Each structure stands twice: as structure tokens, then as C-alpha cells.
C-alpha atoms as a PDB file:
ATOM      1  CA  MET A   1     -27.419  15.968  10.510  1.00  0.00           C
ATOM      2  CA  PRO A   2     -26.692  13.639   7.565  1.00  0.00           C
ATOM      3  CA  THR A   3     -26.152   9.990   8.364  1.00  0.00           C
ATOM      4  CA  LEU A   4     -22.627   8.734   7.755  1.00  0.00           C
ATOM      5  CA  ARG A   5     -23.174   5.177   6.588  1.00  0.00           C
ATOM      6  CA  TYR A   6     -19.530   4.102   6.407  1.00  0.00           C
ATOM      7  CA  SER A   7     -17.913   5.886   9.354  1.00  0.00           C
ATOM      8  CA  SER A   8     -17.304   2.527  11.067  1.00  0.00           C
ATOM      9  CA  ILE A   9     -14.861   1.769   8.227  1.00  0.00           C
ATOM     10  CA  TYR A  10     -12.869   4.959   7.769  1.00  0.00           C
ATOM     11  CA  PHE A  11     -13.024   6.561  11.219  1.00  0.00           C
ATOM     12  CA  PRO A  12     -10.979   3.724  12.831  1.00  0.00           C
ATOM     13  CA  VAL A  13      -8.416   4.151  10.051  1.00  0.00           C
ATOM     14  CA  PHE A  14      -7.942   7.840  10.911  1.00  0.00           C
ATOM     15  CA  MET A  15      -7.570   7.025  14.598  1.00  0.00           C
ATOM     16  CA  VAL A  16      -5.232   4.057  14.146  1.00  0.00           C
ATOM     17  CA  LEU A  17      -2.998   6.034  11.777  1.00  0.00           C
ATOM     18  CA  TRP A  18      -2.576   8.702  14.430  1.00  0.00           C
ATOM     19  CA  LEU A  19      -2.176   6.342  17.404  1.00  0.00           C
ATOM     20  CA  GLY A  20      -0.046   3.810  15.551  1.00  0.00           C
ATOM     21  CA  LEU A  21       2.412   6.387  14.243  1.00  0.00           C
ATOM     22  CA  PHE A  22       2.620   8.007  17.663  1.00  0.00           C
ATOM     23  CA  LEU A  23       3.485   4.622  19.198  1.00  0.00           C
ATOM     24  CA  ASP A  24       6.174   4.062  16.559  1.00  0.00           C
ATOM     25  CA  SER A  25       7.655   7.530  17.130  1.00  0.00           C
ATOM     26  CA  SER A  26      11.248   8.103  18.122  1.00  0.00           C
ATOM     27  CA  MET A  27       9.959   9.753  21.312  1.00  0.00           C
ATOM     28  CA  VAL A  28       8.081   6.633  22.445  1.00  0.00           C
ATOM     29  CA  ALA A  29      11.005   4.424  21.385  1.00  0.00           C
ATOM     30  CA  GLU A  30      13.101   6.088  24.109  1.00  0.00           C
ATOM     31  CA  HIS A  31      10.768   4.700  26.785  1.00  0.00           C
ATOM     32  CA  ILE A  32       9.200   1.521  25.352  1.00  0.00           C
ATOM     33  CA  LEU A  33      11.155  -1.376  23.880  1.00  0.00           C
ATOM     34  CA  PHE A  34       9.813  -2.963  20.668  1.00  0.00           C
ATOM     35  CA  ASN A  35       7.255  -0.160  20.306  1.00  0.00           C
ATOM     36  CA  GLN A  36       7.021  -0.773  16.560  1.00  0.00           C
ATOM     37  CA  TRP A  37       5.545  -4.208  17.231  1.00  0.00           C
ATOM     38  CA  THR A  38       2.763  -2.514  19.193  1.00  0.00           C
ATOM     39  CA  THR A  39       1.939  -0.500  16.095  1.00  0.00           C
ATOM     40  CA  ASN A  40       2.131  -3.614  13.909  1.00  0.00           C
ATOM     41  CA  PHE A  41      -0.409  -5.373  16.116  1.00  0.00           C
ATOM     42  CA  LEU A  42      -2.709  -2.348  16.305  1.00  0.00           C
ATOM     43  CA  VAL A  43      -2.757  -1.866  12.529  1.00  0.00           C
ATOM     44  CA  LEU A  44      -3.339  -5.596  11.997  1.00  0.00           C
ATOM     45  CA  ILE A  45      -6.396  -5.440  14.285  1.00  0.00           C
ATOM     46  CA  CYS A  46      -7.685  -2.439  12.338  1.00  0.00           C
ATOM     47  CA  PHE A  47      -7.063  -4.269   9.048  1.00  0.00           C
ATOM     48  CA  VAL A  48      -9.172  -7.227  10.208  1.00  0.00           C
ATOM     49  CA  TRP A  49     -11.911  -4.853  11.463  1.00  0.00           C
ATOM     50  CA  VAL A  50     -12.146  -3.060   8.109  1.00  0.00           C
ATOM     51  CA  TYR A  51     -11.736  -6.249   6.059  1.00  0.00           C
ATOM     52  CA  LEU A  52     -14.790  -7.817   7.726  1.00  0.00           C
ATOM     53  CA  ARG A  53     -16.937  -4.771   6.866  1.00  0.00           C
ATOM     54  CA  VAL A  54     -16.196  -4.184   3.193  1.00  0.00           C
ATOM     55  CA  THR A  55     -17.533  -5.792   0.029  1.00  0.00           C
ATOM     56  CA  ALA A  56     -15.993  -8.874  -1.561  1.00  0.00           C
ATOM     57  CA  LYS A  57     -14.375  -6.720  -4.264  1.00  0.00           C
ATOM     58  CA  ILE A  58     -12.704  -4.387  -1.744  1.00  0.00           C
ATOM     59  CA  LYS A  59     -11.570  -7.412   0.280  1.00  0.00           C
ATOM     60  CA  LYS A  60      -9.661  -8.653  -2.753  1.00  0.00           C
ATOM     61  CA  LEU A  61      -8.276  -5.199  -3.510  1.00  0.00           C
ATOM     62  CA  MET A  62      -7.051  -4.895   0.077  1.00  0.00           C
ATOM     63  CA  LEU A  63      -5.205  -8.221  -0.160  1.00  0.00           C
ATOM     64  CA  TYR A  64      -3.718  -7.338  -3.537  1.00  0.00           C
ATOM     65  CA  GLY A  65      -2.736  -3.992  -2.060  1.00  0.00           C
ATOM     66  CA  VAL A  66      -0.738  -5.554   0.777  1.00  0.00           C
ATOM     67  CA  ALA A  67       1.358  -7.577  -1.678  1.00  0.00           C
ATOM     68  CA  LEU A  68       1.797  -4.656  -4.075  1.00  0.00           C
ATOM     69  CA  ALA A  69       2.679  -2.226  -1.277  1.00  0.00           C
ATOM     70  CA  LEU A  70       5.303  -4.581   0.152  1.00  0.00           C
ATOM     71  CA  ILE A  71       7.011  -4.833  -3.234  1.00  0.00           C
ATOM     72  CA  GLY A  72       6.840  -1.070  -3.746  1.00  0.00           C
ATOM     73  CA  GLU A  73       8.191  -0.313  -0.276  1.00  0.00           C
ATOM     74  CA  VAL A  74      11.166  -2.622  -0.718  1.00  0.00           C
ATOM     75  CA  ILE A  75      11.989  -1.062  -4.100  1.00  0.00           C
ATOM     76  CA  PHE A  76      11.522   2.616  -3.232  1.00  0.00           C
ATOM     77  CA  SER A  77      12.743   2.589   0.367  1.00  0.00           C
ATOM     78  CA  ILE A  78      15.326  -0.191   0.647  1.00  0.00           C
ATOM     79  CA  PHE A  79      16.849  -0.296  -2.856  1.00  0.00           C
ATOM     80  CA  LEU A  80      16.341   3.247  -4.191  1.00  0.00           C
ATOM     81  CA  GLY A  81      16.533   5.138  -0.896  1.00  0.00           C
ATOM     82  CA  MET A  82      13.693   7.476  -1.828  1.00  0.00           C
ATOM     83  CA  TYR A  83      12.823   7.716   1.884  1.00  0.00           C
ATOM     84  CA  GLU A  84      13.924   5.887   5.015  1.00  0.00           C
ATOM     85  CA  TYR A  85      12.076   4.390   7.986  1.00  0.00           C
ATOM     86  CA  ARG A  86      13.236   4.992  11.545  1.00  0.00           C
ATOM     87  CA  LEU A  87      14.704   1.483  11.958  1.00  0.00           C
ATOM     88  CA  GLU A  88      15.906   1.311   8.335  1.00  0.00           C
ATOM     89  CA  ASN A  89      13.408  -1.455   7.608  1.00  0.00           C
ATOM     90  CA  VAL A  90       9.923  -1.749   6.116  1.00  0.00           C
ATOM     91  CA  PRO A  91       7.604  -1.985   9.142  1.00  0.00           C
ATOM     92  CA  ILE A  92       4.906  -4.659   8.923  1.00  0.00           C
ATOM     93  CA  TYR A  93       2.216  -2.046   9.496  1.00  0.00           C
ATOM     94  CA  VAL A  94       3.143  -0.106   6.347  1.00  0.00           C
ATOM     95  CA  PRO A  95       1.789  -2.494   3.630  1.00  0.00           C
ATOM     96  CA  LEU A  96      -1.313  -3.067   5.775  1.00  0.00           C
ATOM     97  CA  GLY A  97      -1.687   0.688   6.135  1.00  0.00           C
ATOM     98  CA  HIS A  98      -1.638   1.236   2.388  1.00  0.00           C
ATOM     99  CA  SER A  99      -4.648  -1.054   1.968  1.00  0.00           C
ATOM    100  CA  LEU A 100      -6.440   0.558   4.916  1.00  0.00           C
ATOM    101  CA  ILE A 101      -6.024   3.979   3.323  1.00  0.00           C
ATOM    102  CA  TYR A 102      -7.360   2.628   0.021  1.00  0.00           C
ATOM    103  CA  ALA A 103     -10.470   1.220   1.706  1.00  0.00           C
ATOM    104  CA  ALA A 104     -11.006   4.363   3.810  1.00  0.00           C
ATOM    105  CA  VAL A 105     -10.888   6.679   0.791  1.00  0.00           C
ATOM    106  CA  PHE A 106     -13.187   4.402  -1.198  1.00  0.00           C
ATOM    107  CA  TYR A 107     -15.870   4.584   1.474  1.00  0.00           C
ATOM    108  CA  ILE A 108     -15.430   8.270   2.289  1.00  0.00           C
ATOM    109  CA  GLN A 109     -16.278   9.142  -1.309  1.00  0.00           C
ATOM    110  CA  LYS A 110     -19.401   6.945  -1.151  1.00  0.00           C
ATOM    111  CA  GLU A 111     -21.015   8.953   1.658  1.00  0.00           C
ATOM    112  CA  ASN A 112     -24.302  10.532   0.557  1.00  0.00           C
ATOM    113  CA  ILE A 113     -23.276  14.019   1.631  1.00  0.00           C
ATOM    114  CA  ILE A 114     -20.163  13.751  -0.560  1.00  0.00           C
ATOM    115  CA  GLN A 115     -22.018  12.341  -3.549  1.00  0.00           C
ATOM    116  CA  ARG A 116     -24.775  14.976  -3.376  1.00  0.00           C
ATOM    117  CA  ASN A 117     -22.161  17.729  -3.539  1.00  0.00           C
ATOM    118  CA  LYS A 118     -19.670  15.885  -5.715  1.00  0.00           C
ATOM    119  CA  ALA A 119     -18.849  18.690  -8.172  1.00  0.00           C
ATOM    120  CA  ARG A 120     -18.391  21.230  -5.379  1.00  0.00           C
ATOM    121  CA  VAL A 121     -16.243  18.884  -3.308  1.00  0.00           C
ATOM    122  CA  ILE A 122     -14.033  18.121  -6.311  1.00  0.00           C
ATOM    123  CA  SER A 123     -13.561  21.826  -7.004  1.00  0.00           C
ATOM    124  CA  ILE A 124     -12.732  22.651  -3.369  1.00  0.00           C
ATOM    125  CA  LEU A 125     -10.273  19.768  -3.012  1.00  0.00           C
ATOM    126  CA  TYR A 126      -8.655  20.504  -6.385  1.00  0.00           C
ATOM    127  CA  TRP A 127      -7.849  24.119  -5.561  1.00  0.00           C
ATOM    128  CA  ALA A 128      -6.927  23.224  -1.990  1.00  0.00           C
ATOM    129  CA  MET A 129      -4.416  20.704  -3.376  1.00  0.00           C
ATOM    130  CA  ILE A 130      -2.828  23.333  -5.641  1.00  0.00           C
ATOM    131  CA  GLY A 131      -2.776  25.878  -2.808  1.00  0.00           C
ATOM    132  CA  TYR A 132      -1.239  23.403  -0.358  1.00  0.00           C
ATOM    133  CA  SER A 133       1.525  22.383  -2.748  1.00  0.00           C
ATOM    134  CA  SER A 134       2.212  25.982  -3.786  1.00  0.00           C
ATOM    135  CA  LEU A 135       2.666  27.026  -0.146  1.00  0.00           C
ATOM    136  CA  TRP A 136       5.189  24.233   0.428  1.00  0.00           C
ATOM    137  CA  LEU A 137       7.050  25.351  -2.706  1.00  0.00           C
ATOM    138  CA  LEU A 138       7.010  28.991  -1.594  1.00  0.00           C
ATOM    139  CA  PHE A 139       7.984  28.532   2.044  1.00  0.00           C
ATOM    140  CA  ASP A 140      10.084  25.353   1.973  1.00  0.00           C
ATOM    141  CA  GLN A 141      11.382  25.173  -1.639  1.00  0.00           C
ATOM    142  CA  ASP A 142       9.552  21.864  -2.136  1.00  0.00           C
ATOM    143  CA  VAL A 143      10.302  21.502  -5.844  1.00  0.00           C
ATOM    144  CA  PHE A 144       9.913  17.716  -5.834  1.00  0.00           C
ATOM    145  CA  GLY A 145       6.515  17.838  -4.140  1.00  0.00           C
ATOM    146  CA  PHE A 146       5.296  20.566  -6.482  1.00  0.00           C
ATOM    147  CA  LEU A 147       6.392  18.594  -9.557  1.00  0.00           C
ATOM    148  CA  CYS A 148       4.493  15.577  -8.197  1.00  0.00           C
ATOM    149  CA  THR A 149       1.408  17.753  -7.813  1.00  0.00           C
ATOM    150  CA  LEU A 150       1.727  18.938 -11.421  1.00  0.00           C
ATOM    151  CA  VAL A 151       1.717  15.281 -12.500  1.00  0.00           C
ATOM    152  CA  ILE A 152      -1.490  14.780 -10.481  1.00  0.00           C
ATOM    153  CA  VAL A 153      -3.068  17.812 -12.199  1.00  0.00           C
ATOM    154  CA  LEU A 154      -2.215  16.328 -15.596  1.00  0.00           C
ATOM    155  CA  LEU A 155      -3.691  12.971 -14.593  1.00  0.00           C
ATOM    156  CA  LEU A 156      -6.904  14.609 -13.364  1.00  0.00           C
ATOM    157  CA  ARG A 157      -7.329  16.421 -16.685  1.00  0.00           C
ATOM    158  CA  LYS A 158      -8.131  13.066 -18.295  1.00  0.00           C
ATOM    159  CA  GLN A 159     -11.491  13.083 -16.448  1.00  0.00           C
ATOM    160  CA  THR A 160     -11.806   9.356 -15.867  1.00  0.00           C
ATOM    161  CA  GLY A 161     -14.614   9.762 -13.337  1.00  0.00           C
ATOM    162  CA  ASN A 162     -12.256   8.960 -10.457  1.00  0.00           C
ATOM    163  CA  GLU A 163     -11.297  12.577  -9.711  1.00  0.00           C
ATOM    164  CA  LEU A 164     -13.089  12.587  -6.350  1.00  0.00           C
ATOM    165  CA  PHE A 165     -11.344   9.395  -5.218  1.00  0.00           C
ATOM    166  CA  PHE A 166      -7.890  10.687  -6.120  1.00  0.00           C
ATOM    167  CA  LEU A 167      -8.414  14.114  -4.545  1.00  0.00           C
ATOM    168  CA  ILE A 168      -9.575  12.568  -1.276  1.00  0.00           C
ATOM    169  CA  MET A 169      -6.583  10.233  -1.516  1.00  0.00           C
ATOM    170  CA  PHE A 170      -4.304  13.270  -1.879  1.00  0.00           C
ATOM    171  CA  PHE A 171      -5.397  14.711   1.458  1.00  0.00           C
ATOM    172  CA  MET A 172      -5.494  11.315   3.160  1.00  0.00           C
ATOM    173  CA  VAL A 173      -1.834  10.946   2.211  1.00  0.00           C
ATOM    174  CA  VAL A 174      -1.137  14.492   3.437  1.00  0.00           C
ATOM    175  CA  TYR A 175      -2.586  13.461   6.816  1.00  0.00           C
ATOM    176  CA  LEU A 176      -0.498  10.283   6.868  1.00  0.00           C
ATOM    177  CA  GLU A 177       2.758  11.901   5.766  1.00  0.00           C
ATOM    178  CA  LEU A 178       2.521  14.858   8.141  1.00  0.00           C
ATOM    179  CA  LEU A 179       1.963  12.476  11.055  1.00  0.00           C
ATOM    180  CA  GLY A 180       4.659  10.022  10.017  1.00  0.00           C
ATOM    181  CA  THR A 181       7.347  12.654   9.506  1.00  0.00           C
ATOM    182  CA  TYR A 182       6.335  14.649  12.601  1.00  0.00           C
ATOM    183  CA  TYR A 183       6.716  11.545  14.770  1.00  0.00           C
ATOM    184  CA  GLN A 184       9.928  10.664  12.893  1.00  0.00           C
ATOM    185  CA  CYS A 185       8.656   7.245  11.850  1.00  0.00           C
ATOM    186  CA  TRP A 186      10.260   7.964   8.470  1.00  0.00           C
ATOM    187  CA  PHE A 187      11.932  10.878   6.734  1.00  0.00           C
ATOM    188  CA  TRP A 188      12.480  12.181   3.207  1.00  0.00           C
ATOM    189  CA  PRO A 189      15.897  13.516   2.129  1.00  0.00           C
ATOM    190  CA  ASP A 190      16.202  17.199   1.280  1.00  0.00           C
ATOM    191  CA  THR A 191      16.653  16.425  -2.406  1.00  0.00           C
ATOM    192  CA  TRP A 192      15.004  13.887  -4.718  1.00  0.00           C
ATOM    193  CA  PHE A 193      16.371  10.431  -3.771  1.00  0.00           C
ATOM    194  CA  GLY A 194      19.078  12.344  -1.879  1.00  0.00           C
ATOM    195  CA  LYS A 195      21.001  12.363  -5.165  1.00  0.00           C
ATOM    196  CA  VAL A 196      19.482  15.088  -7.390  1.00  0.00           C
ATOM    197  CA  PRO A 197      20.680  18.368  -5.850  1.00  0.00           C
ATOM    198  CA  PHE A 198      18.712  20.710  -8.142  1.00  0.00           C
ATOM    199  CA  ILE A 199      15.354  19.116  -7.166  1.00  0.00           C
ATOM    200  CA  ALA A 200      14.867  20.159  -3.548  1.00  0.00           C
ATOM    201  CA  SER A 201      12.348  18.272  -1.422  1.00  0.00           C
ATOM    202  CA  SER A 202      10.452  18.860   1.790  1.00  0.00           C
ATOM    203  CA  ASN A 203       9.966  16.302   4.538  1.00  0.00           C
ATOM    204  CA  PRO A 204       7.382  15.214   3.393  1.00  0.00           C
ATOM    205  CA  PRO A 205       7.020  16.281  -0.253  1.00  0.00           C
ATOM    206  CA  SER A 206       3.616  17.907  -0.749  1.00  0.00           C
ATOM    207  CA  GLY A 207       2.478  15.902  -3.777  1.00  0.00           C
ATOM    208  CA  ILE A 208       3.895  12.513  -2.891  1.00  0.00           C
ATOM    209  CA  SER A 209       0.416  10.990  -3.145  1.00  0.00           C
ATOM    210  CA  VAL A 210       1.087  10.610  -6.880  1.00  0.00           C
ATOM    211  CA  PHE A 211       2.913   7.392  -5.960  1.00  0.00           C
ATOM    212  CA  TYR A 212      -0.170   6.239  -4.034  1.00  0.00           C
ATOM    213  CA  PHE A 213      -2.154   6.790  -7.227  1.00  0.00           C
ATOM    214  CA  GLY A 214       0.160   4.304  -8.893  1.00  0.00           C
ATOM    215  CA  PHE A 215      -0.577   1.929  -6.016  1.00  0.00           C
ATOM    216  CA  ASP A 216      -4.339   2.391  -6.542  1.00  0.00           C
ATOM    217  CA  ILE A 217      -4.057   1.785 -10.268  1.00  0.00           C
ATOM    218  CA  GLY A 218      -1.882  -1.273  -9.650  1.00  0.00           C
ATOM    219  CA  CYS A 219      -4.474  -2.786  -7.285  1.00  0.00           C
ATOM    220  CA  LEU A 220      -7.206  -2.268  -9.863  1.00  0.00           C
ATOM    221  CA  TRP A 221      -5.036  -3.760 -12.614  1.00  0.00           C
ATOM    222  CA  MET A 222      -4.462  -6.877 -10.491  1.00  0.00           C
ATOM    223  CA  TYR A 223      -8.203  -7.161  -9.843  1.00  0.00           C
ATOM    224  CA  LYS A 224      -8.948  -6.942 -13.585  1.00  0.00           C
ATOM    225  CA  LYS A 225      -6.383  -9.609 -14.431  1.00  0.00           C
ATOM    226  CA  LEU A 226      -7.392 -12.035 -11.670  1.00  0.00           C
ATOM    227  CA  ASN A 227     -11.170 -11.507 -11.936  1.00  0.00           C
ATOM    228  CA  ARG A 228     -11.812 -11.109 -15.659  1.00  0.00           C
ATOM    229  CA  GLN A 229     -15.370 -12.453 -15.686  1.00  0.00           C
ATOM    230  CA  LYS A 230     -16.532 -10.297 -12.785  1.00  0.00           C
ATOM    231  CA  TRP A 231     -14.846  -7.225 -14.288  1.00  0.00           C
ATOM    232  CA  ASN A 232     -16.504  -7.770 -17.676  1.00  0.00           C
ATOM    233  CA  ARG A 233     -19.928  -8.244 -16.039  1.00  0.00           C
ATOM    234  CA  MET A 234     -19.422  -5.046 -14.071  1.00  0.00           C
ATOM    235  CA  LYS A 235     -18.545  -3.099 -17.229  1.00  0.00           C
ATOM    236  CA  ILE A 236     -21.661  -4.401 -18.986  1.00  0.00           C
ATOM    237  CA  PHE A 237     -23.809  -3.453 -15.983  1.00  0.00           C
ATOM    238  CA  ARG A 238     -22.336   0.056 -15.958  1.00  0.00           C
ATOM    239  CA  GLN A 239     -23.007   0.484 -19.669  1.00  0.00           C
ATOM    240  CA  ILE A 240     -26.621  -0.622 -19.237  1.00  0.00           C
ATOM    241  CA  ARG A 241     -27.134   1.674 -16.243  1.00  0.00           C
ATOM    242  CA  SER A 242     -25.609   4.697 -17.993  1.00  0.00           C
ATOM    243  CA  SER A 243     -27.720   4.169 -21.115  1.00  0.00           C
END
């Protein structure tokens, strides 16, 4: 059996996403008061656990991600009404969760078994993504989710070298969104923004991870701007290694 070097980072994220969203569910809320605060505390503990085990660069990206996610959540959820949380707020665990997902995906893709079969994994995930989104379109008229997936396909055609990261991110978001909507922690309206009737949407939309891609790119942009010298040294090192 291959050794999984980074399972101590991403495995807790998978478990805490499941347990935390279950605890914040409408079902648990009927029996436990302030159950969302239990989830907030649990996700915070997981954030600290992961933060202490990642590199200095990922530490910074995680912190940038919390700030960026908070801004994005307020804009898209509170002001634009793109989706709505159970208590009509932005739970504390959500911005922390965005950064945890980022770190988890980063280290999943670094596993030796993934890297040794990189081309095959990319191909499998790519067609699985298209199949998944197509099924949601066919059986639930998820036009919005399918359009989001088409945007992802166009982005992946640029071949930036990050295809594996983004494809793993797609299915990590699928896992998150299916759990969150199943437990009724949040819900998506049946049309885009609840205001565009000819663009039907599922709960959740299948390709909504395209917005997480924007989050990933935003974190990296902040790192470049706030760590110019380190970023330039890293680019030079990459050029030397590739040549």
C-alpha cells in the first residue's frame, strides 16, 4: 500500500466538514440550542490543527483566504442573495472552512500516488466532472450549474499546470455542497440569484466550484502582492529547475 504522507492534513478536513455540517443542521437545531457555535468551535480547532502542519507559504494563503472568503460571503450571500444560510447570517466556520478546503486540496494533489498517475487522474476527474454536471442538467434542469461547469472547462483549456488542483477542488466542493444542502445548513434558490427565471438552478448547482476557483486565484494574487521577493525567487527557482 502506498504511503499517504499528508493524510494528517486533509483527512481531518473531510471528517470535520461532515461532522460540523451535521451539527449545524436544521435537524440538530431542533434539539440543541446554539448548535452552530459547536460547529464554529470544531472548525476552529481543525483550522489550528492544519495551520500548524503546513508550510509557511500555505499558512499565509490560509490567513489571506479567511479574509477573502469573509468578504466574498458577505457580498454573495448577504447583499446579492445568491444563496442563504440557515440563520440568514455568515457562520464563523464558513470563512475558516474555505481555507481548510484550499489546504486540503493542495496536499491531496501532492500525494505520490496522485503525482505518479497525474495524467490519468486528470483525465478521470475531467470526464467525471462533465458527467456529473450533465446528469444534474438532465435530471434536475440545473442550467446554472452546467453553465458554471462550461466556464471551468474553458478555464482548464488554458493548461496552466494547475488542472489537477482545480479538478480535485471541483469534487471537494461537490462533497461540501452536497453535505451542506442535505443538512439544510444553506440552500440555493431554484433560479440564478432567485431573480433570473430562465436560468434554473439545482440545490446545489453542480458547477458552483467555479466561484471557489476565483477564491483560489484571489488568495494567490494576495500572496504575490504581499510577498513579492519570495514570489520572484520562487519563479526563478522554477525556471532553473525546468531548464
